[in-house]
Amino acid sequence: MNYIKSKAMEVTVILEVVAAVLGALGGWEAIKYLINRKTNARKEEAEADGAEFGILRETVEFLQTQLKEKEERFANQTDRLRKLQDDYFELLKKNAATELELQRFRCVRPKCAQREPQNGY
């Protein structure tokens, strides 16, 4: 019987120590923390994922706006280049027409008397 009383005393002391530790840690809040630690960890992880996705979303939006601006600049430069090329080809056509017109009057023989207009060379 003394053995049972001593075991009961030990259990009582252990319970008092556990109660004192729980009281020191905040009592009911410590129990809620111990019960809900997995749930709290999932919530924190979800919040961290949400913040990370928000940052990624902002980064994607920023990169999309940069890409859009670069595409617009490229389109403007391409239009400008095409206009310059059109002008260049038009000038080439005019030059070829002028050269062809000159061939009608140019004599290939040096000091040709039939050349019009006469230039005396």
N, C-alpha and C. Protein backbone atom coordinates (compact mmCIF):
# COMPACT_ATOMS: atom_id res chain seq x y z
N MET A 1 0.81 -1.17 0.00
CA MET A 1 0.00 0.00 0.00
C MET A 1 0.87 1.26 0.00
N ASN A 2 1.94 1.21 0.68
CA ASN A 2 2.89 2.33 0.68
C ASN A 2 3.44 2.55 -0.73
N TYR A 3 3.59 1.44 -1.44
CA TYR A 3 4.09 1.50 -2.82
C TYR A 3 3.12 2.26 -3.70
N ILE A 4 1.86 2.00 -3.54
CA ILE A 4 0.82 2.65 -4.34
C ILE A 4 0.76 4.13 -3.98
N LYS A 5 0.89 4.45 -2.68
CA LYS A 5 0.86 5.84 -2.25
C LYS A 5 2.08 6.59 -2.81
N SER A 6 3.22 5.94 -2.83
CA SER A 6 4.41 6.61 -3.34
C SER A 6 4.29 6.85 -4.85
N LYS A 7 3.71 5.89 -5.57
CA LYS A 7 3.49 6.06 -7.01
C LYS A 7 2.47 7.18 -7.25
N ALA A 8 1.44 7.22 -6.44
CA ALA A 8 0.43 8.26 -6.57
C ALA A 8 1.05 9.63 -6.30
N MET A 9 1.95 9.70 -5.33
CA MET A 9 2.63 10.94 -5.00
C MET A 9 3.52 11.37 -6.18
N GLU A 10 4.19 10.40 -6.79
CA GLU A 10 5.05 10.70 -7.93
C GLU A 10 4.22 11.24 -9.11
N VAL A 11 3.08 10.60 -9.35
CA VAL A 11 2.20 11.04 -10.43
C VAL A 11 1.68 12.44 -10.13
N THR A 12 1.33 12.69 -8.86
CA THR A 12 0.84 14.00 -8.46
C THR A 12 1.92 15.05 -8.66
N VAL A 13 3.14 14.73 -8.28
CA VAL A 13 4.25 15.68 -8.45
C VAL A 13 4.48 15.94 -9.94
N ILE A 14 4.43 14.89 -10.76
CA ILE A 14 4.62 15.05 -12.20
C ILE A 14 3.53 15.93 -12.78
N LEU A 15 2.28 15.72 -12.37
CA LEU A 15 1.17 16.54 -12.85
C LEU A 15 1.33 17.99 -12.41
N GLU A 16 1.81 18.20 -11.19
CA GLU A 16 2.02 19.56 -10.71
C GLU A 16 3.12 20.26 -11.52
N VAL A 17 4.16 19.50 -11.83
CA VAL A 17 5.25 20.06 -12.63
C VAL A 17 4.74 20.41 -14.04
N VAL A 18 3.98 19.51 -14.64
CA VAL A 18 3.43 19.76 -15.98
C VAL A 18 2.51 20.97 -15.93
N ALA A 19 1.66 21.06 -14.87
CA ALA A 19 0.75 22.19 -14.73
C ALA A 19 1.54 23.48 -14.54
N ALA A 20 2.64 23.44 -13.78
CA ALA A 20 3.46 24.62 -13.58
C ALA A 20 4.13 25.06 -14.88
N VAL A 21 4.61 24.08 -15.66
CA VAL A 21 5.23 24.40 -16.95
C VAL A 21 4.21 25.01 -17.89
N LEU A 22 3.02 24.41 -17.96
CA LEU A 22 1.96 24.96 -18.81
C LEU A 22 1.58 26.36 -18.37
N GLY A 23 1.50 26.57 -17.07
CA GLY A 23 1.18 27.90 -16.55
C GLY A 23 2.27 28.90 -16.92
N ALA A 24 3.52 28.47 -16.84
CA ALA A 24 4.62 29.36 -17.18
C ALA A 24 4.63 29.68 -18.68
N LEU A 25 4.21 28.74 -19.50
CA LEU A 25 4.21 28.95 -20.94
C LEU A 25 2.95 29.65 -21.44
N GLY A 26 2.03 29.93 -20.59
CA GLY A 26 0.84 30.65 -21.01
C GLY A 26 -0.43 29.85 -20.86
N GLY A 27 -0.37 28.72 -20.27
CA GLY A 27 -1.57 27.95 -19.97
C GLY A 27 -2.30 27.49 -21.21
N TRP A 28 -3.51 28.00 -21.36
CA TRP A 28 -4.37 27.58 -22.45
C TRP A 28 -3.76 27.87 -23.81
N GLU A 29 -3.03 28.97 -23.93
CA GLU A 29 -2.38 29.31 -25.20
C GLU A 29 -1.32 28.27 -25.56
N ALA A 30 -0.61 27.76 -24.57
CA ALA A 30 0.39 26.72 -24.83
C ALA A 30 -0.28 25.45 -25.31
N ILE A 31 -1.42 25.12 -24.71
CA ILE A 31 -2.15 23.92 -25.13
C ILE A 31 -2.66 24.10 -26.56
N LYS A 32 -3.21 25.29 -26.85
CA LYS A 32 -3.69 25.55 -28.21
C LYS A 32 -2.54 25.48 -29.21
N TYR A 33 -1.38 25.99 -28.82
CA TYR A 33 -0.21 25.94 -29.71
C TYR A 33 0.18 24.50 -30.00
N LEU A 34 0.22 23.70 -28.94
CA LEU A 34 0.61 22.30 -29.12
C LEU A 34 -0.39 21.54 -29.98
N ILE A 35 -1.67 21.85 -29.82
CA ILE A 35 -2.71 21.16 -30.59
C ILE A 35 -2.70 21.63 -32.04
N ASN A 36 -2.51 22.92 -32.25
CA ASN A 36 -2.67 23.50 -33.58
C ASN A 36 -1.35 23.80 -34.30
N ARG A 37 -0.27 23.22 -33.90
CA ARG A 37 1.01 23.59 -34.51
C ARG A 37 1.10 23.17 -35.98
N LYS A 38 0.50 22.03 -36.34
CA LYS A 38 0.52 21.62 -37.75
C LYS A 38 -0.37 22.54 -38.59
N THR A 39 -1.54 22.89 -38.04
CA THR A 39 -2.43 23.81 -38.75
C THR A 39 -1.78 25.17 -38.92
N ASN A 40 -1.14 25.65 -37.85
CA ASN A 40 -0.46 26.94 -37.91
C ASN A 40 0.68 26.91 -38.93
N ALA A 41 1.39 25.80 -38.99
CA ALA A 41 2.48 25.67 -39.95
C ALA A 41 1.94 25.72 -41.38
N ARG A 42 0.81 25.06 -41.63
CA ARG A 42 0.19 25.09 -42.95
C ARG A 42 -0.27 26.50 -43.31
N LYS A 43 -0.84 27.20 -42.32
CA LYS A 43 -1.28 28.57 -42.57
C LYS A 43 -0.10 29.48 -42.90
N GLU A 44 0.98 29.36 -42.15
CA GLU A 44 2.17 30.17 -42.42
C GLU A 44 2.75 29.85 -43.78
N GLU A 45 2.76 28.57 -44.13
CA GLU A 45 3.27 28.17 -45.44
C GLU A 45 2.39 28.73 -46.55
N ALA A 46 1.07 28.70 -46.34
CA ALA A 46 0.14 29.25 -47.33
C ALA A 46 0.34 30.75 -47.48
N GLU A 47 0.54 31.45 -46.37
CA GLU A 47 0.79 32.89 -46.43
C GLU A 47 2.09 33.19 -47.16
N ALA A 48 3.13 32.40 -46.88
CA ALA A 48 4.41 32.59 -47.56
C ALA A 48 4.26 32.32 -49.06
N ASP A 49 3.52 31.26 -49.41
CA ASP A 49 3.29 30.96 -50.83
C ASP A 49 2.51 32.09 -51.50
N GLY A 50 1.51 32.62 -50.80
CA GLY A 50 0.73 33.74 -51.35
C GLY A 50 1.60 34.96 -51.59
N ALA A 51 2.48 35.27 -50.64
CA ALA A 51 3.38 36.41 -50.82
C ALA A 51 4.33 36.16 -51.99
N GLU A 52 4.84 34.95 -52.09
CA GLU A 52 5.76 34.61 -53.18
C GLU A 52 5.04 34.69 -54.53
N PHE A 53 3.81 34.18 -54.60
CA PHE A 53 3.04 34.26 -55.84
C PHE A 53 2.74 35.71 -56.20
N GLY A 54 2.48 36.54 -55.18
CA GLY A 54 2.25 37.96 -55.45
C GLY A 54 3.48 38.61 -56.07
N ILE A 55 4.64 38.30 -55.53
CA ILE A 55 5.88 38.85 -56.08
C ILE A 55 6.10 38.33 -57.50
N LEU A 56 5.84 37.05 -57.72
CA LEU A 56 6.00 36.49 -59.06
C LEU A 56 5.02 37.13 -60.05
N ARG A 57 3.79 37.38 -59.60
CA ARG A 57 2.79 38.01 -60.45
C ARG A 57 3.25 39.42 -60.84
N GLU A 58 3.76 40.17 -59.86
CA GLU A 58 4.26 41.52 -60.15
C GLU A 58 5.42 41.47 -61.12
N THR A 59 6.31 40.49 -60.94
CA THR A 59 7.45 40.35 -61.83
C THR A 59 7.00 40.03 -63.25
N VAL A 60 6.03 39.13 -63.37
CA VAL A 60 5.52 38.76 -64.70
C VAL A 60 4.87 39.97 -65.36
N GLU A 61 4.07 40.74 -64.61
CA GLU A 61 3.43 41.93 -65.17
C GLU A 61 4.47 42.93 -65.63
N PHE A 62 5.53 43.13 -64.82
CA PHE A 62 6.61 44.05 -65.19
C PHE A 62 7.28 43.60 -66.47
N LEU A 63 7.60 42.30 -66.55
CA LEU A 63 8.26 41.78 -67.74
C LEU A 63 7.35 41.86 -68.97
N GLN A 64 6.05 41.65 -68.78
CA GLN A 64 5.12 41.77 -69.90
C GLN A 64 5.05 43.19 -70.42
N THR A 65 5.05 44.18 -69.51
CA THR A 65 5.02 45.57 -69.96
C THR A 65 6.32 45.91 -70.70
N GLN A 66 7.45 45.41 -70.18
CA GLN A 66 8.72 45.66 -70.88
C GLN A 66 8.71 45.03 -72.27
N LEU A 67 8.21 43.81 -72.37
CA LEU A 67 8.15 43.13 -73.66
C LEU A 67 7.23 43.89 -74.62
N LYS A 68 6.11 44.37 -74.12
CA LYS A 68 5.18 45.13 -74.96
C LYS A 68 5.85 46.40 -75.47
N GLU A 69 6.56 47.11 -74.61
CA GLU A 69 7.25 48.32 -75.02
C GLU A 69 8.33 48.01 -76.06
N LYS A 70 9.06 46.93 -75.85
CA LYS A 70 10.10 46.55 -76.82
C LYS A 70 9.49 46.17 -78.16
N GLU A 71 8.35 45.46 -78.13
CA GLU A 71 7.68 45.11 -79.38
C GLU A 71 7.20 46.37 -80.11
N GLU A 72 6.70 47.35 -79.38
CA GLU A 72 6.26 48.60 -80.00
C GLU A 72 7.45 49.34 -80.62
N ARG A 73 8.57 49.40 -79.89
CA ARG A 73 9.77 50.05 -80.44
C ARG A 73 10.25 49.32 -81.69
N PHE A 74 10.21 47.99 -81.65
CA PHE A 74 10.64 47.20 -82.80
C PHE A 74 9.73 47.47 -83.99
N ALA A 75 8.42 47.54 -83.75
CA ALA A 75 7.48 47.80 -84.84
C ALA A 75 7.73 49.19 -85.43
N ASN A 76 7.97 50.19 -84.57
CA ASN A 76 8.25 51.54 -85.05
C ASN A 76 9.53 51.57 -85.88
N GLN A 77 10.57 50.91 -85.38
CA GLN A 77 11.83 50.88 -86.12
C GLN A 77 11.69 50.13 -87.43
N THR A 78 10.91 49.06 -87.44
CA THR A 78 10.68 48.31 -88.67
C THR A 78 9.93 49.18 -89.69
N ASP A 79 8.92 49.91 -89.24
CA ASP A 79 8.19 50.81 -90.15
C ASP A 79 9.13 51.88 -90.71
N ARG A 80 9.95 52.44 -89.86
CA ARG A 80 10.90 53.47 -90.31
C ARG A 80 11.87 52.89 -91.33
N LEU A 81 12.38 51.70 -91.07
CA LEU A 81 13.30 51.06 -92.00
C LEU A 81 12.62 50.79 -93.34
N ARG A 82 11.39 50.33 -93.31
CA ARG A 82 10.67 50.06 -94.56
C ARG A 82 10.44 51.34 -95.36
N LYS A 83 10.12 52.43 -94.66
CA LYS A 83 9.95 53.70 -95.36
C LYS A 83 11.25 54.15 -96.00
N LEU A 84 12.35 54.02 -95.27
CA LEU A 84 13.65 54.39 -95.83
C LEU A 84 14.02 53.51 -97.01
N GLN A 85 13.72 52.23 -96.91
CA GLN A 85 14.00 51.33 -98.03
C GLN A 85 13.14 51.68 -99.24
N ASP A 86 11.87 52.02 -99.01
CA ASP A 86 11.00 52.42 -100.11
C ASP A 86 11.55 53.67 -100.79
N ASP A 87 11.99 54.65 -99.98
CA ASP A 87 12.58 55.86 -100.54
C ASP A 87 13.84 55.51 -101.33
N TYR A 88 14.67 54.63 -100.78
CA TYR A 88 15.90 54.24 -101.46
C TYR A 88 15.60 53.56 -102.80
N PHE A 89 14.64 52.65 -102.82
CA PHE A 89 14.29 51.96 -104.06
C PHE A 89 13.68 52.93 -105.08
N GLU A 90 12.92 53.90 -104.60
CA GLU A 90 12.36 54.91 -105.49
C GLU A 90 13.47 55.74 -106.12
N LEU A 91 14.46 56.12 -105.31
CA LEU A 91 15.60 56.86 -105.84
C LEU A 91 16.40 56.02 -106.83
N LEU A 92 16.53 54.71 -106.53
CA LEU A 92 17.22 53.82 -107.48
C LEU A 92 16.48 53.78 -108.82
N LYS A 93 15.16 53.71 -108.77
CA LYS A 93 14.37 53.70 -110.00
C LYS A 93 14.57 55.00 -110.78
N LYS A 94 14.54 56.13 -110.06
CA LYS A 94 14.74 57.43 -110.73
C LYS A 94 16.13 57.50 -111.34
N ASN A 95 17.13 57.01 -110.59
CA ASN A 95 18.50 57.01 -111.09
C ASN A 95 18.62 56.13 -112.34
N ALA A 96 18.01 54.96 -112.31
CA ALA A 96 18.07 54.06 -113.47
C ALA A 96 17.37 54.70 -114.66
N ALA A 97 16.25 55.36 -114.42
CA ALA A 97 15.55 56.03 -115.51
C ALA A 97 16.39 57.16 -116.08
N THR A 98 17.06 57.90 -115.23
CA THR A 98 17.93 58.98 -115.69
C THR A 98 19.10 58.42 -116.49
N GLU A 99 19.72 57.34 -115.99
CA GLU A 99 20.82 56.70 -116.71
C GLU A 99 20.35 56.21 -118.08
N LEU A 100 19.16 55.64 -118.11
CA LEU A 100 18.62 55.15 -119.38
C LEU A 100 18.37 56.32 -120.34
N GLU A 101 17.86 57.40 -119.80
CA GLU A 101 17.63 58.59 -120.62
C GLU A 101 18.94 59.14 -121.15
N LEU A 102 19.99 59.13 -120.34
CA LEU A 102 21.30 59.62 -120.77
C LEU A 102 21.89 58.72 -121.86
N GLN A 103 21.60 57.45 -121.80
CA GLN A 103 22.13 56.53 -122.81
C GLN A 103 21.60 56.86 -124.19
N ARG A 104 20.46 57.44 -124.28
CA ARG A 104 19.91 57.82 -125.58
C ARG A 104 20.74 58.93 -126.23
N PHE A 105 21.33 59.77 -125.41
CA PHE A 105 22.06 60.92 -125.95
C PHE A 105 23.57 60.75 -125.87
N ARG A 106 24.05 59.80 -125.10
CA ARG A 106 25.48 59.65 -124.89
C ARG A 106 26.08 58.82 -126.03
N CYS A 107 27.19 59.28 -126.51
CA CYS A 107 27.91 58.54 -127.54
C CYS A 107 29.11 57.88 -126.87
N VAL A 108 29.33 56.63 -127.18
CA VAL A 108 30.41 55.90 -126.52
C VAL A 108 31.77 56.15 -127.16
N ARG A 109 31.80 56.69 -128.38
CA ARG A 109 33.07 56.97 -129.03
C ARG A 109 33.60 58.30 -128.53
N PRO A 110 34.90 58.33 -128.21
CA PRO A 110 35.46 59.64 -127.80
C PRO A 110 35.42 60.62 -128.97
N LYS A 111 35.17 61.87 -128.68
CA LYS A 111 35.13 62.98 -129.62
C LYS A 111 34.18 62.69 -130.80
N CYS A 112 33.02 62.21 -130.45
CA CYS A 112 32.00 61.88 -131.45
C CYS A 112 31.30 63.17 -131.87
N ALA A 113 31.16 63.38 -133.17
CA ALA A 113 30.55 64.61 -133.68
C ALA A 113 29.03 64.55 -133.63
N GLN A 114 28.44 63.33 -133.54
CA GLN A 114 26.99 63.22 -133.55
C GLN A 114 26.38 63.34 -132.15
N ARG A 115 27.20 63.55 -131.19
CA ARG A 115 26.70 63.59 -129.82
C ARG A 115 25.83 64.82 -129.61
N GLU A 116 24.72 64.62 -128.90
CA GLU A 116 23.90 65.76 -128.53
C GLU A 116 23.66 65.67 -127.04
N PRO A 117 23.78 66.66 -126.30
CA PRO A 117 24.34 67.95 -126.72
C PRO A 117 25.86 67.82 -126.89
N GLN A 118 26.40 68.65 -127.71
CA GLN A 118 27.85 68.63 -127.96
C GLN A 118 28.58 69.15 -126.73
N ASN A 119 29.65 68.45 -126.35
CA ASN A 119 30.42 68.96 -125.21
C ASN A 119 31.88 69.13 -125.56
N GLY A 120 32.32 68.72 -126.70
CA GLY A 120 33.65 69.00 -127.18
C GLY A 120 34.74 68.15 -126.59
N TYR A 121 34.47 67.03 -126.09
CA TYR A 121 35.59 66.23 -125.58
C TYR A 121 35.91 65.10 -126.48
